Amino acid sequence: VQLQASGGGLVQPGGSLRLSCKASGFRFSSYGMLWYRQFPGKERELVAGISSGGTTNYADSVKGRFTISRDNGKNTVSLQMNSLKPEDTAVYYCKRDSTVGLWGQGTLVTVSS
């Protein structure tokens, strides 16, 4: 049972990145999925979520710029990040939305010129 995140990297302000999180070992389609991020010295904050039925929600700070989606056939949840800002620089984590939490490893996103 695991989540494997990928897609982080260095991007210039205004650029885009797409994060992916591949699930294995559980019935992916039955769970909501979440993306969090963590700034240095801060606690993780919720960025976006998608229910098992496809309903999405976003933190105010990313609304209109980030899009969460899922592909149940590929057991993958993605986070498309557009119009990136330096303040989006953080380690991003995917998480299964369940009583027994399951986290992926973080992937670093750096927005800098």
N, C-alpha and C. Protein backbone atom coordinates (compact mmCIF):
# COMPACT_ATOMS: atom_id res chain seq x y z
N VAL A 1 0.87 -1.18 0.00
CA VAL A 1 0.00 0.00 0.00
C VAL A 1 0.89 1.22 0.00
N GLN A 2 0.83 2.00 -1.07
CA GLN A 2 1.69 3.18 -1.11
C GLN A 2 1.21 4.19 -2.13
N LEU A 3 1.73 5.42 -1.96
CA LEU A 3 1.53 6.50 -2.90
C LEU A 3 2.90 6.99 -3.35
N GLN A 4 3.06 7.15 -4.64
CA GLN A 4 4.34 7.57 -5.20
C GLN A 4 4.14 8.87 -5.98
N ALA A 5 4.66 9.95 -5.43
CA ALA A 5 4.51 11.26 -6.06
C ALA A 5 5.70 11.57 -6.96
N SER A 6 5.41 12.34 -8.00
CA SER A 6 6.46 12.75 -8.93
C SER A 6 6.06 14.05 -9.62
N GLY A 7 7.03 14.65 -10.30
CA GLY A 7 6.72 15.81 -11.13
C GLY A 7 7.23 17.14 -10.63
N GLY A 8 7.82 17.17 -9.44
CA GLY A 8 8.34 18.42 -8.95
C GLY A 8 9.57 18.87 -9.73
N GLY A 9 9.98 20.09 -9.46
CA GLY A 9 11.16 20.61 -10.13
C GLY A 9 11.26 22.11 -9.99
N LEU A 10 12.14 22.67 -10.79
CA LEU A 10 12.37 24.11 -10.80
C LEU A 10 11.64 24.73 -11.99
N VAL A 11 10.90 25.79 -11.71
CA VAL A 11 10.16 26.46 -12.77
C VAL A 11 10.21 27.97 -12.52
N GLN A 12 10.16 28.73 -13.57
CA GLN A 12 10.17 30.18 -13.43
C GLN A 12 8.79 30.69 -13.04
N PRO A 13 8.73 31.84 -12.39
CA PRO A 13 7.42 32.43 -12.09
C PRO A 13 6.57 32.57 -13.34
N GLY A 14 5.31 32.23 -13.19
CA GLY A 14 4.40 32.23 -14.32
C GLY A 14 4.34 30.93 -15.08
N GLY A 15 5.23 30.03 -14.76
CA GLY A 15 5.29 28.75 -15.44
C GLY A 15 4.31 27.74 -14.87
N SER A 16 4.41 26.52 -15.40
CA SER A 16 3.50 25.44 -15.02
C SER A 16 4.27 24.17 -14.68
N LEU A 17 3.67 23.39 -13.82
CA LEU A 17 4.16 22.05 -13.50
C LEU A 17 2.96 21.15 -13.28
N ARG A 18 3.16 19.88 -13.53
CA ARG A 18 2.11 18.89 -13.27
C ARG A 18 2.66 17.83 -12.33
N LEU A 19 2.06 17.72 -11.17
CA LEU A 19 2.44 16.68 -10.21
C LEU A 19 1.52 15.48 -10.40
N SER A 20 2.09 14.30 -10.21
CA SER A 20 1.31 13.07 -10.28
C SER A 20 1.56 12.24 -9.04
N CYS A 21 0.57 11.46 -8.68
CA CYS A 21 0.66 10.58 -7.52
C CYS A 21 0.04 9.25 -7.91
N LYS A 22 0.87 8.23 -7.95
CA LYS A 22 0.43 6.90 -8.35
C LYS A 22 0.15 6.06 -7.12
N ALA A 23 -1.03 5.51 -7.06
CA ALA A 23 -1.44 4.70 -5.92
C ALA A 23 -1.32 3.22 -6.24
N SER A 24 -1.03 2.45 -5.22
CA SER A 24 -0.99 1.00 -5.39
C SER A 24 -1.35 0.32 -4.08
N GLY A 25 -1.92 -0.85 -4.19
CA GLY A 25 -2.18 -1.67 -3.01
C GLY A 25 -3.52 -1.46 -2.35
N PHE A 26 -4.35 -0.56 -2.90
CA PHE A 26 -5.68 -0.37 -2.35
C PHE A 26 -6.62 0.05 -3.47
N ARG A 27 -7.91 0.04 -3.17
CA ARG A 27 -8.92 0.37 -4.16
C ARG A 27 -8.99 1.88 -4.33
N PHE A 28 -8.19 2.40 -5.21
CA PHE A 28 -8.02 3.84 -5.40
C PHE A 28 -9.34 4.56 -5.64
N SER A 29 -10.19 3.97 -6.45
CA SER A 29 -11.42 4.65 -6.85
C SER A 29 -12.37 4.90 -5.69
N SER A 30 -12.18 4.23 -4.57
CA SER A 30 -13.07 4.35 -3.43
C SER A 30 -12.72 5.50 -2.50
N TYR A 31 -11.59 6.13 -2.74
CA TYR A 31 -11.10 7.13 -1.80
C TYR A 31 -10.99 8.52 -2.41
N GLY A 32 -11.29 9.52 -1.57
CA GLY A 32 -10.90 10.86 -1.93
C GLY A 32 -9.40 10.99 -1.83
N MET A 33 -8.86 11.92 -2.57
CA MET A 33 -7.42 12.14 -2.57
C MET A 33 -7.13 13.62 -2.37
N LEU A 34 -6.02 13.88 -1.74
CA LEU A 34 -5.66 15.25 -1.34
C LEU A 34 -4.23 15.58 -1.76
N TRP A 35 -4.00 16.85 -2.00
CA TRP A 35 -2.64 17.37 -2.14
C TRP A 35 -2.41 18.40 -1.03
N TYR A 36 -1.30 18.25 -0.36
CA TYR A 36 -0.86 19.19 0.66
C TYR A 36 0.47 19.78 0.21
N ARG A 37 0.85 20.86 0.87
CA ARG A 37 2.19 21.38 0.70
C ARG A 37 2.73 21.84 2.04
N GLN A 38 4.04 21.90 2.10
CA GLN A 38 4.69 22.28 3.35
C GLN A 38 5.81 23.25 3.06
N PHE A 39 5.71 24.42 3.67
CA PHE A 39 6.78 25.42 3.58
C PHE A 39 7.79 25.15 4.68
N PRO A 40 9.03 25.56 4.50
CA PRO A 40 10.05 25.34 5.54
C PRO A 40 9.61 25.89 6.89
N GLY A 41 9.69 25.06 7.88
CA GLY A 41 9.35 25.48 9.23
C GLY A 41 7.87 25.61 9.52
N LYS A 42 7.04 25.20 8.58
CA LYS A 42 5.59 25.31 8.75
C LYS A 42 4.95 23.93 8.70
N GLU A 43 3.70 23.88 9.18
CA GLU A 43 2.95 22.63 9.06
C GLU A 43 2.39 22.48 7.65
N ARG A 44 2.08 21.26 7.31
CA ARG A 44 1.49 21.02 6.00
C ARG A 44 0.12 21.67 5.90
N GLU A 45 -0.15 22.22 4.72
CA GLU A 45 -1.45 22.84 4.49
C GLU A 45 -2.13 22.19 3.30
N LEU A 46 -3.44 22.10 3.39
CA LEU A 46 -4.20 21.48 2.32
C LEU A 46 -4.27 22.42 1.12
N VAL A 47 -3.97 21.87 -0.04
CA VAL A 47 -3.97 22.65 -1.28
C VAL A 47 -5.22 22.35 -2.10
N ALA A 48 -5.51 21.07 -2.26
CA ALA A 48 -6.65 20.69 -3.10
C ALA A 48 -7.09 19.27 -2.74
N GLY A 49 -8.34 19.00 -3.01
CA GLY A 49 -8.87 17.67 -2.78
C GLY A 49 -9.85 17.27 -3.86
N ILE A 50 -9.97 15.98 -4.05
CA ILE A 50 -10.95 15.45 -5.00
C ILE A 50 -11.59 14.22 -4.37
N SER A 51 -12.91 14.20 -4.37
CA SER A 51 -13.63 13.08 -3.77
C SER A 51 -13.60 11.87 -4.69
N SER A 52 -14.08 10.75 -4.18
CA SER A 52 -14.17 9.55 -5.02
C SER A 52 -15.10 9.79 -6.20
N GLY A 53 -16.03 10.69 -6.02
CA GLY A 53 -16.97 10.99 -7.10
C GLY A 53 -16.53 12.09 -8.03
N GLY A 54 -15.38 12.70 -7.72
CA GLY A 54 -14.83 13.71 -8.61
C GLY A 54 -15.08 15.15 -8.19
N THR A 55 -15.71 15.36 -7.05
CA THR A 55 -15.92 16.72 -6.56
C THR A 55 -14.59 17.29 -6.08
N THR A 56 -14.31 18.52 -6.48
CA THR A 56 -13.02 19.12 -6.15
C THR A 56 -13.19 20.31 -5.21
N ASN A 57 -12.13 20.60 -4.47
CA ASN A 57 -12.08 21.81 -3.66
C ASN A 57 -10.64 22.28 -3.57
N TYR A 58 -10.49 23.58 -3.34
CA TYR A 58 -9.17 24.20 -3.39
C TYR A 58 -8.99 25.21 -2.28
N ALA A 59 -7.75 25.36 -1.87
CA ALA A 59 -7.42 26.46 -0.98
C ALA A 59 -7.56 27.77 -1.76
N ASP A 60 -7.95 28.82 -1.05
CA ASP A 60 -8.15 30.11 -1.72
C ASP A 60 -6.89 30.56 -2.45
N SER A 61 -5.75 30.23 -1.89
CA SER A 61 -4.48 30.71 -2.45
C SER A 61 -4.17 30.12 -3.82
N VAL A 62 -4.84 29.03 -4.20
CA VAL A 62 -4.53 28.38 -5.47
C VAL A 62 -5.72 28.32 -6.42
N LYS A 63 -6.86 28.78 -5.96
CA LYS A 63 -8.06 28.73 -6.81
C LYS A 63 -7.82 29.48 -8.11
N GLY A 64 -8.22 28.85 -9.19
CA GLY A 64 -8.06 29.46 -10.50
C GLY A 64 -6.70 29.21 -11.13
N ARG A 65 -5.78 28.68 -10.35
CA ARG A 65 -4.43 28.41 -10.87
C ARG A 65 -4.10 26.93 -10.89
N PHE A 66 -4.59 26.20 -9.89
CA PHE A 66 -4.31 24.78 -9.76
C PHE A 66 -5.57 23.98 -10.09
N THR A 67 -5.36 22.80 -10.66
CA THR A 67 -6.46 21.90 -10.97
C THR A 67 -6.09 20.49 -10.54
N ILE A 68 -6.93 19.91 -9.70
CA ILE A 68 -6.73 18.53 -9.28
C ILE A 68 -7.62 17.64 -10.14
N SER A 69 -7.11 16.48 -10.49
CA SER A 69 -7.88 15.53 -11.30
C SER A 69 -7.46 14.11 -10.93
N ARG A 70 -8.27 13.16 -11.33
CA ARG A 70 -7.94 11.78 -11.05
C ARG A 70 -8.24 10.92 -12.26
N ASP A 71 -7.48 9.85 -12.38
CA ASP A 71 -7.69 8.85 -13.41
C ASP A 71 -7.76 7.50 -12.70
N ASN A 72 -8.97 7.04 -12.47
CA ASN A 72 -9.13 5.79 -11.72
C ASN A 72 -8.60 4.59 -12.49
N GLY A 73 -8.57 4.68 -13.78
CA GLY A 73 -8.02 3.58 -14.58
C GLY A 73 -6.52 3.42 -14.40
N LYS A 74 -5.88 4.53 -14.08
CA LYS A 74 -4.42 4.52 -13.87
C LYS A 74 -4.04 4.68 -12.42
N ASN A 75 -5.05 4.71 -11.53
CA ASN A 75 -4.80 4.86 -10.09
C ASN A 75 -3.91 6.07 -9.81
N THR A 76 -4.24 7.16 -10.45
CA THR A 76 -3.39 8.35 -10.35
C THR A 76 -4.22 9.59 -10.06
N VAL A 77 -3.69 10.42 -9.19
CA VAL A 77 -4.25 11.75 -8.96
C VAL A 77 -3.19 12.75 -9.37
N SER A 78 -3.62 13.81 -10.02
CA SER A 78 -2.68 14.80 -10.53
C SER A 78 -3.03 16.19 -10.02
N LEU A 79 -2.03 17.05 -10.04
CA LEU A 79 -2.22 18.45 -9.68
C LEU A 79 -1.54 19.29 -10.76
N GLN A 80 -2.35 19.91 -11.59
CA GLN A 80 -1.84 20.81 -12.61
C GLN A 80 -1.71 22.20 -12.01
N MET A 81 -0.50 22.72 -12.02
CA MET A 81 -0.23 24.01 -11.39
C MET A 81 0.20 25.01 -12.46
N ASN A 82 -0.60 26.02 -12.64
CA ASN A 82 -0.32 27.06 -13.62
C ASN A 82 -0.08 28.40 -12.92
N SER A 83 0.47 29.33 -13.66
CA SER A 83 0.73 30.68 -13.13
C SER A 83 1.43 30.61 -11.78
N LEU A 84 2.45 29.81 -11.72
CA LEU A 84 3.14 29.58 -10.46
C LEU A 84 3.83 30.85 -9.96
N LYS A 85 3.84 30.98 -8.65
CA LYS A 85 4.44 32.13 -7.98
C LYS A 85 5.56 31.65 -7.07
N PRO A 86 6.49 32.52 -6.76
CA PRO A 86 7.56 32.12 -5.82
C PRO A 86 7.00 31.60 -4.49
N GLU A 87 5.88 32.13 -4.07
CA GLU A 87 5.30 31.67 -2.80
C GLU A 87 4.64 30.30 -2.89
N ASP A 88 4.62 29.71 -4.07
CA ASP A 88 4.18 28.32 -4.20
C ASP A 88 5.32 27.34 -3.94
N THR A 89 6.50 27.85 -3.77
CA THR A 89 7.66 27.00 -3.49
C THR A 89 7.44 26.23 -2.19
N ALA A 90 7.47 24.91 -2.28
CA ALA A 90 7.19 24.07 -1.12
C ALA A 90 7.43 22.61 -1.52
N VAL A 91 7.37 21.76 -0.53
CA VAL A 91 7.33 20.33 -0.78
C VAL A 91 5.86 19.92 -0.84
N TYR A 92 5.48 19.26 -1.90
CA TYR A 92 4.10 18.86 -2.13
C TYR A 92 3.94 17.36 -1.84
N TYR A 93 2.83 17.04 -1.16
CA TYR A 93 2.54 15.67 -0.77
C TYR A 93 1.15 15.29 -1.23
N CYS A 94 0.99 14.05 -1.67
CA CYS A 94 -0.36 13.53 -1.88
C CYS A 94 -0.74 12.68 -0.67
N LYS A 95 -2.04 12.57 -0.46
CA LYS A 95 -2.53 11.85 0.72
C LYS A 95 -3.87 11.22 0.40
N ARG A 96 -4.03 10.03 0.87
CA ARG A 96 -5.33 9.37 0.78
C ARG A 96 -6.23 9.95 1.85
N ASP A 97 -7.44 10.30 1.50
CA ASP A 97 -8.39 10.87 2.43
C ASP A 97 -9.12 9.73 3.14
N SER A 98 -8.60 9.32 4.27
CA SER A 98 -9.16 8.19 4.98
C SER A 98 -8.81 8.31 6.45
N THR A 99 -9.52 7.55 7.28
CA THR A 99 -9.27 7.58 8.71
C THR A 99 -7.82 7.18 9.01
N VAL A 100 -7.41 6.14 8.35
CA VAL A 100 -6.00 5.75 8.43
C VAL A 100 -5.29 6.44 7.27
N GLY A 101 -4.62 7.51 7.58
CA GLY A 101 -3.99 8.30 6.53
C GLY A 101 -2.86 7.57 5.84
N LEU A 102 -2.69 7.88 4.58
CA LEU A 102 -1.59 7.33 3.80
C LEU A 102 -0.99 8.48 3.02
N TRP A 103 0.28 8.74 3.25
CA TRP A 103 0.99 9.84 2.59
C TRP A 103 1.96 9.31 1.55
N GLY A 104 2.09 10.06 0.49
CA GLY A 104 3.17 9.82 -0.44
C GLY A 104 4.41 10.55 0.04
N GLN A 105 5.52 10.25 -0.59
CA GLN A 105 6.72 11.01 -0.26
C GLN A 105 6.59 12.39 -0.90
N GLY A 106 7.23 13.36 -0.39
CA GLY A 106 7.10 14.70 -0.93
C GLY A 106 7.86 14.88 -2.23
N THR A 107 7.40 15.86 -2.98
CA THR A 107 8.11 16.25 -4.20
C THR A 107 8.28 17.76 -4.16
N LEU A 108 9.52 18.21 -4.36
CA LEU A 108 9.85 19.62 -4.18
C LEU A 108 9.51 20.42 -5.42
N VAL A 109 8.79 21.50 -5.22
CA VAL A 109 8.50 22.47 -6.27
C VAL A 109 9.19 23.77 -5.91
N THR A 110 10.02 24.24 -6.80
CA THR A 110 10.72 25.49 -6.59
C THR A 110 10.37 26.45 -7.71
N VAL A 111 9.84 27.61 -7.33
CA VAL A 111 9.46 28.62 -8.32
C VAL A 111 10.41 29.80 -8.14
N SER A 112 11.28 29.95 -9.10
CA SER A 112 12.31 30.97 -8.98
C SER A 112 12.85 31.33 -10.35
N SER A 113 13.26 32.58 -10.48
CA SER A 113 13.88 33.01 -11.73
C SER A 113 15.39 32.92 -11.63
